[in-house]
Structures are given as C-alpha cells and as structure tokens.
C-alpha cells in the first residue's frame, strides 16, 4: 500500500506525462496502481480509500433488513445465518455477522430518539419519584424524592409506605419547604395518581384531584415505562439512594431508628442544595430564593381529608380513641387535633396517627392495631418517671421518719397526687 508521499508523486507524474505507463516507469509502480489513484481523484473519492468490492451477502441484504425491522433491531446473527442458509446462502457466519451489525447500526440511527434541551421556567415544574430506602429495625422504608426543575432544589423525605395519605403529606411538606407550590407536578402513573387508562388517556384518582384542587396545582404523569420524560428526578433518586442507603461503597452504618434516617435525609439535603450544581454553576438554595416569588401561595391548613378521622387529644391524657380502642400520642400534643387511620390488613394492620403542625403533616405514631380494653401505649409518649416509679411499695425504716417521702397515688377526678399514709408499726 502506498503512503501519502508516494501517492502525491504518482499524481504529479501523471499530470506531467499524461500517460499511465510513463508515470509507472517514473514512479516505479504498476500502471494499474496509477490508474486506480487517478480514477479516485477524478471521481472525488478519497485517494487512499479502499475500493468497494462485492460481498457475498449483497444479494441477501433486503431480506436481512426485513428481519431487522421486524425484530426492531434485536435479531441474533446466528439465527439470521440459519435463515439465510435455508435460502441458499453459501457464505460464512462471520460474513453474516458483519452484515447484521451494519444493518442494525443503520436501523438504530434511523430510530434513535432525539432529545431536545428542556429550558425550564421558574415556578412551573416539580417532579417527584420514589426509591427503595434502607431497612430500619428490619422494616423496609421508602425515600420520597422531589426535584424543582428550575433551581434544581432537591427534597428527600423518608416514608414508611407509599399510600396516598403518606404521599400527600410528603408533598405538603415539600410545598412548605419550598415556600409555595408550582404550577405542575409530574410523577409516574401510580394507583395513588392514576386509576386506569382509557384509550391511552390516564384517569386521575379522585383523591388526587381533591388534593390538586386544594393546593391549586395540576398533576401530570409521564409516559408509561419512559424514564426519559423525567430524567432529572431519576438522577436525584439515584443520588439519594447512593448516599443514604447503607452499602459497601459508602460505608454508612445501619440506622438505629427512623429518626436517625430523617436526620440523615436532612443532612443530605443541606449538602446537595448548598453546593454548586454542575449545570447551572450556582447553588440550588440561591436559585430557590429567586424562584420562590414565582411559586403559588399554599393554604395554611393541609389537605387532611385523606389522613383519616380527626380526633382531639385530651388536655390531661395523651390518648386518642379509634374504633373502640385507645392509642397513645406524644404528650406535647395535649389538646391538639390529630388524624387517625388504619393501614394494612390482618396481623400486619397498623394505626397511623398524623398531626398537622407549622411544618405540615407529620406522622407521630404508628402502633399495631389494639383491641378494645387493651390500649396501645408507648412509654416515650409519657414524660417524667416511668410507671415503675409509681408502684406503691412498703417503706423502709428511714422513710417512716419523713412523712413527705411516703408513696403517693393519683386521686381520680382531682388530677393531682396525694400521699399514701400507712399506720405506723407498734
């Protein structure tokens, strides 16, 4: 094969003599070589490019293209070779593989999906999705991840389930963290959002419509099995799982409680929202300050219809009644209103208690289903000494000389403690 310098000498000698054989004598090559390079230059082809040659698969290319189109580019070369042999093909399997690879490459080029850059507008789009969270106490958790498209502000909230009330509570918290609600909320076609598809048109869940009307937003869903329509939130979920779920790569220890997972999610949000984003070259928290005025104002009260039945916590006992059974709540909620609902069936049935505070709806308790007459009590809900410190015991000799140290009992109806006196011995 001639290198570039020799080819230039051949062409220059031909321009000088105008004869193929004379040029071959001057340059020391065959006149056929001179003719090939001269013909390539006259045809406008690359001078040193390989000359096209017929292939054994050329006669079968229409049939190969038909098979690739019918299989949408998935047909295997060995199966195509078997079909070609049935048609009288005498070439090798290697030639078949080359032809299949070339036809597949051309088919993919003609069917490739072209993505147009999305130029976002402030206050318009919020996307959310879910990821498998870590196991806390042997129970699987859910990571609710939201992504504000313009500012790239990320919110991660751990959930215990993906029911509609839990999702609505997480969205309400998102709106309050962002300082308002966007125009559109984009998510997947889940049962909490879309009930069915009729003629390809999604039919919204009635609870979702009530929720959207309460906050003045429009809930949209992406195309089924098409993550490209919400690539931003898909990347956010991947990033959150890589950092928050304990794995061998991040060396994060297991979480001892659900509260630890919430603290870790908050730390993750503070980190990603206060560092420079690689696309905008600005911090998402700074962009959120510019986008917040474009968000819609949300009602002061959350959409509580889906959270369950409303109950008022008594002012002296942190217990609420639900379906003839009692359940304890944190003592800080004395006199407050909470919402109670049942979740699950059978032995796994639980009762979820939600309180709506200044930061939005927050789940405060999730005990197992109790029976009438056997209340579900959590000791952490009652401050001060535990129940064992109130058990009346026989005082020792030192306690007999100090009447104020006698054990006490609670007087019904008075709400106070009264010393329990006993007769002195002798």
Protein backbone atom coordinates (compact mmCIF):
# COMPACT_ATOMS: atom_id res chain seq x y z
CA UNK A 1 0.00 0.00 0.00
CA UNK A 2 1.36 3.37 -0.99
CA UNK A 3 1.86 6.04 1.64
CA UNK A 4 0.75 9.61 1.12
CA UNK A 5 4.07 10.88 -0.27
CA UNK A 6 4.22 8.18 -2.94
CA UNK A 7 0.63 8.84 -3.98
CA UNK A 8 1.39 12.54 -4.42
CA UNK A 9 4.40 11.68 -6.60
CA UNK A 10 2.26 9.38 -8.74
CA UNK A 11 -0.39 12.05 -9.31
CA UNK A 12 2.23 14.71 -10.04
CA UNK A 13 4.00 12.44 -12.56
CA UNK A 14 0.70 11.66 -14.29
CA UNK A 15 -0.12 15.38 -14.59
CA UNK A 16 3.30 15.86 -16.14
CA UNK A 17 3.28 12.96 -18.65
CA UNK A 18 -0.42 12.25 -19.14
CA UNK A 19 0.38 8.56 -19.65
CA UNK A 20 -0.30 5.70 -17.24
CA UNK A 21 2.69 3.61 -18.38
CA UNK A 22 5.09 6.56 -18.42
CA UNK A 23 4.00 7.51 -14.92
CA UNK A 24 4.51 3.89 -13.80
CA UNK A 25 8.10 3.91 -15.16
CA UNK A 26 8.89 7.22 -13.43
CA UNK A 27 7.48 6.21 -10.03
CA UNK A 28 8.40 2.54 -10.03
CA UNK A 29 4.93 1.03 -9.69
CA UNK A 30 2.32 -0.73 -11.78
CA UNK A 31 0.28 1.22 -14.29
CA UNK A 32 -2.81 -0.35 -12.67
CA UNK A 33 -1.92 1.41 -9.39
CA UNK A 34 -1.57 4.68 -11.27
CA UNK A 35 -4.95 4.17 -12.93
CA UNK A 36 -6.66 3.45 -9.58
CA UNK A 37 -5.38 6.60 -7.88
CA UNK A 38 -6.11 8.78 -10.89
CA UNK A 39 -9.66 7.40 -11.16
CA UNK A 40 -10.25 8.01 -7.47
CA UNK A 41 -9.12 11.61 -7.79
CA UNK A 42 -11.28 12.23 -10.83
CA UNK A 43 -14.33 10.72 -9.08
CA UNK A 44 -13.85 12.86 -5.97
CA UNK A 45 -13.26 9.87 -3.70
CA UNK A 46 -10.58 9.65 -1.01
CA UNK A 47 -7.36 8.89 -2.81
CA UNK A 48 -6.07 6.15 -0.48
CA UNK A 49 -9.50 4.79 0.48
CA UNK A 50 -10.27 1.12 -0.08
CA UNK A 51 -12.02 0.32 -3.27
CA UNK A 52 -15.54 -1.08 -2.84
CA UNK A 53 -15.78 -4.78 -3.56
CA UNK A 54 -18.83 -7.00 -3.91
CA UNK A 55 -19.73 -9.14 -0.88
CA UNK A 56 -21.40 -12.49 -0.63
CA UNK A 57 -24.23 -11.01 1.48
CA UNK A 58 -25.19 -8.27 -1.02
CA UNK A 59 -27.88 -10.40 -2.65
CA UNK A 60 -29.50 -11.08 0.73
CA UNK A 61 -29.41 -7.55 2.17
CA UNK A 62 -33.13 -6.84 1.51
CA UNK A 63 -34.11 -9.97 3.46
CA UNK A 64 -31.70 -9.09 6.31
CA UNK A 65 -33.14 -5.57 6.51
CA UNK A 66 -36.64 -7.06 6.66
CA UNK A 67 -35.69 -9.29 9.60
CA UNK A 68 -34.00 -6.45 11.48
CA UNK A 69 -37.04 -4.23 11.01
CA UNK A 70 -39.45 -6.96 12.12
CA UNK A 71 -37.40 -7.68 15.26
CA UNK A 72 -36.81 -3.96 15.97
CA UNK A 73 -33.08 -4.48 15.82
CA UNK A 74 -32.99 -7.48 18.20
CA UNK A 75 -32.47 -10.44 15.86
CA UNK A 76 -29.39 -12.54 16.62
CA UNK A 77 -26.77 -13.09 13.94
CA UNK A 78 -26.70 -16.88 14.42
CA UNK A 79 -30.47 -17.12 13.90
CA UNK A 80 -30.23 -14.92 10.83
CA UNK A 81 -27.46 -17.16 9.48
CA UNK A 82 -29.69 -20.22 9.85
CA UNK A 83 -32.47 -18.48 7.95
CA UNK A 84 -30.06 -17.43 5.19
CA UNK A 85 -28.78 -20.98 4.77
CA UNK A 86 -32.36 -22.06 4.18
CA UNK A 87 -32.49 -19.53 1.32
CA UNK A 88 -29.35 -20.95 -0.32
CA UNK A 89 -26.76 -18.69 1.29
CA UNK A 90 -23.25 -20.17 0.94
CA UNK A 91 -21.25 -17.58 2.87
CA UNK A 92 -19.64 -17.94 6.28
CA UNK A 93 -21.21 -16.99 9.62
CA UNK A 94 -18.58 -14.27 10.01
CA UNK A 95 -19.83 -12.54 6.86
CA UNK A 96 -23.38 -12.81 8.16
CA UNK A 97 -22.38 -11.20 11.46
CA UNK A 98 -20.76 -8.29 9.65
CA UNK A 99 -23.86 -7.72 7.52
CA UNK A 100 -26.20 -7.96 10.54
CA UNK A 101 -24.06 -5.49 12.51
CA UNK A 102 -24.09 -2.94 9.68
CA UNK A 103 -27.84 -3.24 9.11
CA UNK A 104 -28.54 -2.95 12.88
CA UNK A 105 -26.38 0.17 13.12
CA UNK A 106 -28.30 1.76 10.25
CA UNK A 107 -31.63 0.77 11.84
CA UNK A 108 -30.70 2.30 15.20
CA UNK A 109 -29.59 5.51 13.52
CA UNK A 110 -32.97 5.80 11.87
CA UNK A 111 -34.91 5.05 15.07
CA UNK A 112 -32.85 6.92 17.62
CA UNK A 113 -34.75 9.20 19.99
CA UNK A 114 -33.57 12.79 19.74
CA UNK A 115 -33.89 14.80 22.95
CA UNK A 116 -34.46 18.49 22.76
CA UNK A 117 -32.95 20.52 25.63
CA UNK A 118 -35.57 21.46 28.20
CA UNK A 119 -35.46 25.15 29.05
CA UNK A 120 -37.28 25.36 32.37
CA UNK A 121 -39.27 28.31 33.63
CA UNK A 122 -39.26 29.43 37.27
CA UNK A 123 -42.17 28.22 39.38
CA UNK A 124 -43.55 25.81 36.80
CA UNK A 125 -42.37 22.23 37.36
CA UNK A 126 -41.89 19.95 40.36
CA UNK A 127 -41.09 16.28 39.78
CA UNK A 128 -41.18 13.54 42.39
CA UNK A 129 -40.44 9.85 42.49
CA UNK A 130 -39.67 7.07 44.98
CA UNK A 131 -36.67 4.93 45.77
CA UNK A 132 -36.10 1.90 47.96
CA UNK A 133 -34.83 3.19 51.29
CA UNK A 134 -32.82 1.40 53.97
CA UNK A 135 -34.29 -1.12 56.38
CA UNK A 136 -34.83 0.31 59.85
CA UNK A 137 -35.43 -2.28 62.55
CA UNK A 138 -35.98 -4.90 59.87
CA UNK A 139 -38.75 -2.84 58.23
CA UNK A 140 -38.35 -1.52 54.70
CA UNK A 141 -38.62 2.24 54.16
CA UNK A 142 -39.34 4.46 51.16
CA UNK A 143 -37.40 7.54 50.04
CA UNK A 144 -39.65 10.26 48.65
CA UNK A 145 -37.52 12.48 46.40
CA UNK A 146 -38.73 15.76 44.89
CA UNK A 147 -36.85 17.96 42.40
CA UNK A 148 -37.69 21.55 41.47
CA UNK A 149 -36.75 21.80 37.80
CA UNK A 150 -35.57 25.41 37.53
CA UNK A 151 -33.47 25.74 40.69
CA UNK A 152 -32.50 22.01 40.89
CA UNK A 153 -33.52 22.09 44.55
CA UNK A 154 -33.84 18.55 45.97
CA UNK A 155 -36.02 17.34 48.85
CA UNK A 156 -35.73 13.86 50.38
CA UNK A 157 -38.35 12.66 52.89
CA UNK A 158 -38.35 9.13 54.33
CA UNK A 159 -41.71 7.34 54.32
CA UNK A 160 -42.95 4.09 55.81
CA UNK A 161 -45.33 3.36 52.92
CA UNK A 162 -46.46 4.70 49.53
CA UNK A 163 -50.15 5.10 50.30
CA UNK A 164 -51.95 8.23 49.13
CA UNK A 165 -52.07 9.89 52.59
CA UNK A 166 -48.32 9.45 53.04
CA UNK A 167 -47.61 10.85 49.56
CA UNK A 168 -49.93 13.81 50.14
CA UNK A 169 -48.27 14.56 53.46
CA UNK A 170 -44.83 14.46 51.80
CA UNK A 171 -45.98 16.81 49.02
CA UNK A 172 -47.42 19.22 51.57
CA UNK A 173 -44.08 19.26 53.39
CA UNK A 174 -42.32 19.90 50.07
CA UNK A 175 -44.51 22.89 49.35
CA UNK A 176 -43.83 24.34 52.78
CA UNK A 177 -40.07 23.79 52.45
CA UNK A 178 -40.06 25.48 49.04
CA UNK A 179 -42.25 28.34 50.25
CA UNK A 180 -45.05 27.66 47.76
CA UNK A 181 -46.46 25.31 45.14
CA UNK A 182 -45.54 25.14 41.42
CA UNK A 183 -47.97 25.06 38.53
CA UNK A 184 -47.34 21.45 37.51
CA UNK A 185 -46.38 18.33 39.46
CA UNK A 186 -45.03 15.45 37.36
CA UNK A 187 -44.84 11.85 38.53
CA UNK A 188 -45.35 8.22 37.48
CA UNK A 189 -48.66 6.51 36.65
CA UNK A 190 -49.19 5.01 40.09
CA UNK A 191 -52.52 3.99 41.58
CA UNK A 192 -52.30 6.91 44.01
CA UNK A 193 -52.39 9.25 40.98
CA UNK A 194 -53.88 7.36 38.02
CA UNK A 195 -56.72 4.88 38.48
CA UNK A 196 -56.88 3.42 34.96
CA UNK A 197 -56.03 4.21 31.35
CA UNK A 198 -58.93 4.51 28.91
CA UNK A 199 -57.89 4.56 25.24
CA UNK A 200 -54.42 5.59 26.36
CA UNK A 201 -55.71 8.53 28.39
CA UNK A 202 -54.92 8.41 32.15
CA UNK A 203 -57.89 8.77 34.50
CA UNK A 204 -56.90 10.56 37.72
CA UNK A 205 -57.64 9.23 41.18
CA UNK A 206 -60.40 11.22 42.89
CA UNK A 207 -58.25 11.77 45.99
CA UNK A 208 -55.52 13.20 43.76
CA UNK A 209 -57.98 15.60 42.16
CA UNK A 210 -59.15 16.79 45.58
CA UNK A 211 -55.56 17.27 46.67
CA UNK A 212 -54.63 19.19 43.50
CA UNK A 213 -57.68 21.44 43.80
CA UNK A 214 -56.84 22.23 47.43
CA UNK A 215 -53.35 23.49 46.51
CA UNK A 216 -54.16 24.91 43.08
CA UNK A 217 -51.78 22.65 41.14
CA UNK A 218 -52.03 20.39 38.10
CA UNK A 219 -50.84 16.79 38.46
CA UNK A 220 -49.40 15.28 35.28
CA UNK A 221 -47.97 11.83 34.61
CA UNK A 222 -45.16 10.80 32.30
CA UNK A 223 -45.34 8.21 29.57
CA UNK A 224 -45.52 4.64 30.94
CA UNK A 225 -42.12 2.92 31.15
CA UNK A 226 -40.38 6.04 29.87
CA UNK A 227 -37.94 7.43 32.45
CA UNK A 228 -36.52 9.88 29.92
CA UNK A 229 -39.54 12.16 30.41
CA UNK A 230 -38.38 12.84 33.96
CA UNK A 231 -34.66 12.27 33.84
CA UNK A 232 -33.93 14.95 36.43
CA UNK A 233 -35.81 13.22 39.22
CA UNK A 234 -34.46 9.82 38.15
CA UNK A 235 -30.93 11.13 38.66
CA UNK A 236 -31.92 12.66 42.02
CA UNK A 237 -33.31 9.33 43.25
CA UNK A 238 -30.14 7.56 42.18
CA UNK A 239 -28.00 10.11 44.01
CA UNK A 240 -30.10 9.93 47.19
CA UNK A 241 -30.02 6.13 47.30
CA UNK A 242 -26.26 6.07 46.74
CA UNK A 243 -25.71 8.34 49.74
CA UNK A 244 -28.46 7.35 52.20
CA UNK A 245 -28.81 3.58 51.77
CA UNK A 246 -26.03 1.71 53.62
CA UNK A 247 -23.85 -0.14 51.12
CA UNK A 248 -20.28 -1.39 50.84
CA UNK A 249 -19.38 1.64 48.73
CA UNK A 250 -20.44 4.42 51.11
CA UNK A 251 -19.67 2.51 54.36
CA UNK A 252 -22.70 4.05 56.05
CA UNK A 253 -23.79 2.10 59.16
CA UNK A 254 -27.32 0.82 59.63
CA UNK A 255 -29.88 3.18 61.12
CA UNK A 256 -30.95 2.52 64.68
CA UNK A 257 -34.28 4.32 64.38
CA UNK A 258 -36.49 6.13 61.91
CA UNK A 259 -35.47 9.45 63.49
CA UNK A 260 -31.84 8.78 62.52
CA UNK A 261 -32.91 8.29 58.91
CA UNK A 262 -34.78 11.61 58.99
CA UNK A 263 -31.67 13.37 60.32
CA UNK A 264 -29.56 11.78 57.58
CA UNK A 265 -32.02 12.93 54.90
CA UNK A 266 -31.91 16.48 56.23
CA UNK A 267 -28.11 16.45 56.22
CA UNK A 268 -28.14 15.17 52.62
CA UNK A 269 -30.49 17.99 51.58
CA UNK A 270 -28.31 20.62 53.25
CA UNK A 271 -25.27 19.28 51.42
CA UNK A 272 -26.62 18.97 47.86
CA UNK A 273 -28.62 22.21 47.96
CA UNK A 274 -25.73 24.31 49.19
CA UNK A 275 -23.08 23.23 46.72
CA UNK A 276 -22.60 24.40 43.16
CA UNK A 277 -24.64 22.49 40.59
CA UNK A 278 -22.66 21.27 37.59
CA UNK A 279 -25.24 22.56 35.07
CA UNK A 280 -26.28 25.93 36.45
CA UNK A 281 -22.92 26.66 38.15
CA UNK A 282 -24.91 28.05 41.06
CA UNK A 283 -26.14 26.73 44.38
CA UNK A 284 -29.74 25.40 44.27
CA UNK A 285 -30.52 27.17 47.55
CA UNK A 286 -29.56 30.51 45.98
CA UNK A 287 -31.66 29.82 42.88
CA UNK A 288 -34.60 28.83 45.06
CA UNK A 289 -34.55 32.29 46.63
CA UNK A 290 -35.07 33.71 43.13
CA UNK A 291 -37.72 31.16 42.19
CA UNK A 292 -39.78 31.36 45.38
CA UNK A 293 -41.65 34.55 44.34
CA UNK A 294 -42.90 32.67 41.25
CA UNK A 295 -44.41 29.86 43.32
CA UNK A 296 -48.09 29.93 44.28
CA UNK A 297 -49.09 30.51 47.85
CA UNK A 298 -50.48 27.43 49.58
CA UNK A 299 -53.26 27.25 52.21
CA UNK A 300 -52.21 27.41 55.84
CA UNK A 301 -54.09 24.18 56.56
CA UNK A 302 -53.09 20.98 54.82
CA UNK A 303 -55.38 18.76 52.81
CA UNK A 304 -56.36 16.48 55.68
CA UNK A 305 -59.28 14.55 54.17
CA UNK A 306 -57.07 11.62 53.20
CA UNK A 307 -55.25 11.50 56.54
CA UNK A 308 -58.11 9.79 58.38
CA UNK A 309 -60.60 10.69 61.10
CA UNK A 310 -59.97 13.77 63.23
CA UNK A 311 -59.53 13.30 66.96
CA UNK A 312 -58.87 15.82 69.73
CA UNK A 313 -56.24 14.76 72.26
CA UNK A 314 -57.49 15.31 75.85
CA UNK A 315 -55.73 18.00 77.84
CA UNK A 316 -54.66 15.64 80.63
CA UNK A 317 -54.13 12.25 78.93
CA UNK A 318 -52.22 11.78 75.64
CA UNK A 319 -54.58 9.08 74.37
CA UNK A 320 -56.98 9.05 71.41
CA UNK A 321 -59.79 6.64 70.64
CA UNK A 322 -60.19 4.97 67.26
CA UNK A 323 -62.75 2.24 66.60
CA UNK A 324 -63.30 1.48 70.30
CA UNK A 325 -59.55 1.15 71.05
CA UNK A 326 -57.13 3.66 72.59
CA UNK A 327 -53.73 4.72 71.32
CA UNK A 328 -51.09 6.94 72.91
CA UNK A 329 -49.61 10.04 71.28
CA UNK A 330 -46.70 12.28 72.35
CA UNK A 331 -47.56 14.34 75.43
CA UNK A 332 -46.65 17.53 73.55
CA UNK A 333 -49.91 17.11 71.60
CA UNK A 334 -52.22 17.53 74.61
CA UNK A 335 -55.25 19.47 73.43
CA UNK A 336 -54.20 19.26 69.73
CA UNK A 337 -56.05 17.71 66.82
CA UNK A 338 -54.68 14.60 65.15
CA UNK A 339 -55.85 12.36 62.32
CA UNK A 340 -56.13 8.60 62.75
CA UNK A 341 -56.47 5.92 60.07
CA UNK A 342 -55.89 2.19 59.70
CA UNK A 343 -53.28 0.76 57.34
CA UNK A 344 -52.87 -2.84 56.22
CA UNK A 345 -54.93 -5.91 56.94
CA UNK A 346 -54.70 -8.98 59.11
CA UNK A 347 -51.90 -9.38 61.65
CA UNK A 348 -49.87 -6.59 59.96
CA UNK A 349 -52.60 -3.97 60.43
CA UNK A 350 -51.40 -0.73 61.97
CA UNK A 351 -52.94 2.54 63.08
CA UNK A 352 -51.31 5.72 61.74
CA UNK A 353 -51.64 8.96 63.70
CA UNK A 354 -50.76 12.22 61.91
CA UNK A 355 -50.50 15.72 63.35
CA UNK A 356 -50.57 18.85 61.21
CA UNK A 357 -48.21 21.46 62.59
CA UNK A 358 -46.44 24.54 61.29
CA UNK A 359 -44.17 22.45 59.06
CA UNK A 360 -47.03 20.42 57.59
CA UNK A 361 -48.45 16.95 58.33
CA UNK A 362 -46.12 14.74 60.37
CA UNK A 363 -46.65 11.14 61.37
CA UNK A 364 -46.32 10.96 65.16
CA UNK A 365 -47.19 7.32 65.90
CA UNK A 366 -47.71 4.01 64.10
CA UNK A 367 -48.70 1.36 66.68
CA UNK A 368 -50.10 -2.07 65.92
CA UNK A 369 -53.86 -2.48 65.95
CA UNK A 370 -55.13 -2.60 69.54
CA UNK A 371 -58.19 -4.33 70.95
CA UNK A 372 -60.94 -2.66 72.99
CA UNK A 373 -59.88 -2.65 76.63
CA UNK A 374 -56.18 -3.18 75.79
CA UNK A 375 -54.76 0.25 74.84
CA UNK A 376 -51.60 0.60 72.77
CA UNK A 377 -49.22 2.62 74.96
CA UNK A 378 -45.73 3.79 74.04
CA UNK A 379 -43.67 4.75 77.09
CA UNK A 380 -41.82 7.53 75.22
CA UNK A 381 -45.12 9.40 74.86
CA UNK A 382 -45.31 9.96 78.63
CA UNK A 383 -42.63 12.29 80.06
CA UNK A 384 -41.21 12.05 83.56
CA UNK A 385 -40.65 8.92 85.63
CA UNK A 386 -41.72 5.63 84.21
CA UNK A 387 -44.64 3.59 85.51
CA UNK A 388 -42.36 1.50 87.73
CA UNK A 389 -41.55 4.59 89.87
CA UNK A 390 -45.25 4.98 90.76
CA UNK A 391 -45.70 1.49 92.18
CA UNK A 392 -46.56 1.63 95.88
CA UNK A 393 -44.04 -0.33 97.95
CA UNK A 394 -43.60 -0.86 101.66
CA UNK A 395 -41.42 1.96 103.06
CA UNK A 396 -38.25 1.24 104.97
CA UNK A 397 -37.39 2.49 108.48
CA UNK A 398 -35.80 5.69 107.14
CA UNK A 399 -38.95 6.61 105.26
CA UNK A 400 -41.07 6.34 108.46
CA UNK A 401 -39.39 9.40 109.93
CA UNK A 402 -40.18 11.55 106.84
CA UNK A 403 -43.91 11.66 106.11
CA UNK A 404 -43.34 13.59 102.86
CA UNK A 405 -41.46 10.64 101.39
CA UNK A 406 -44.44 8.31 101.57
CA UNK A 407 -45.52 6.79 98.25
CA UNK A 408 -48.38 8.63 96.58
CA UNK A 409 -51.35 7.73 94.44
CA UNK A 410 -53.35 9.73 91.90
CA UNK A 411 -56.75 10.82 93.16
CA UNK A 412 -59.42 10.27 90.50
CA UNK A 413 -61.18 13.44 89.40
CA UNK A 414 -58.67 15.82 91.02
CA UNK A 415 -55.73 15.38 88.65
CA UNK A 416 -53.18 15.53 91.50
CA UNK A 417 -51.10 13.17 93.64
CA UNK A 418 -51.92 12.51 97.32
CA UNK A 419 -49.53 10.91 99.81
CA UNK A 420 -50.43 7.38 100.70
CA UNK A 421 -50.07 7.05 104.52
CA UNK A 422 -49.93 3.86 106.42
CA UNK A 423 -50.26 3.06 110.09
CA UNK A 424 -47.01 3.22 112.00
CA UNK A 425 -45.85 -0.14 113.36
CA UNK A 426 -46.40 -0.70 117.09
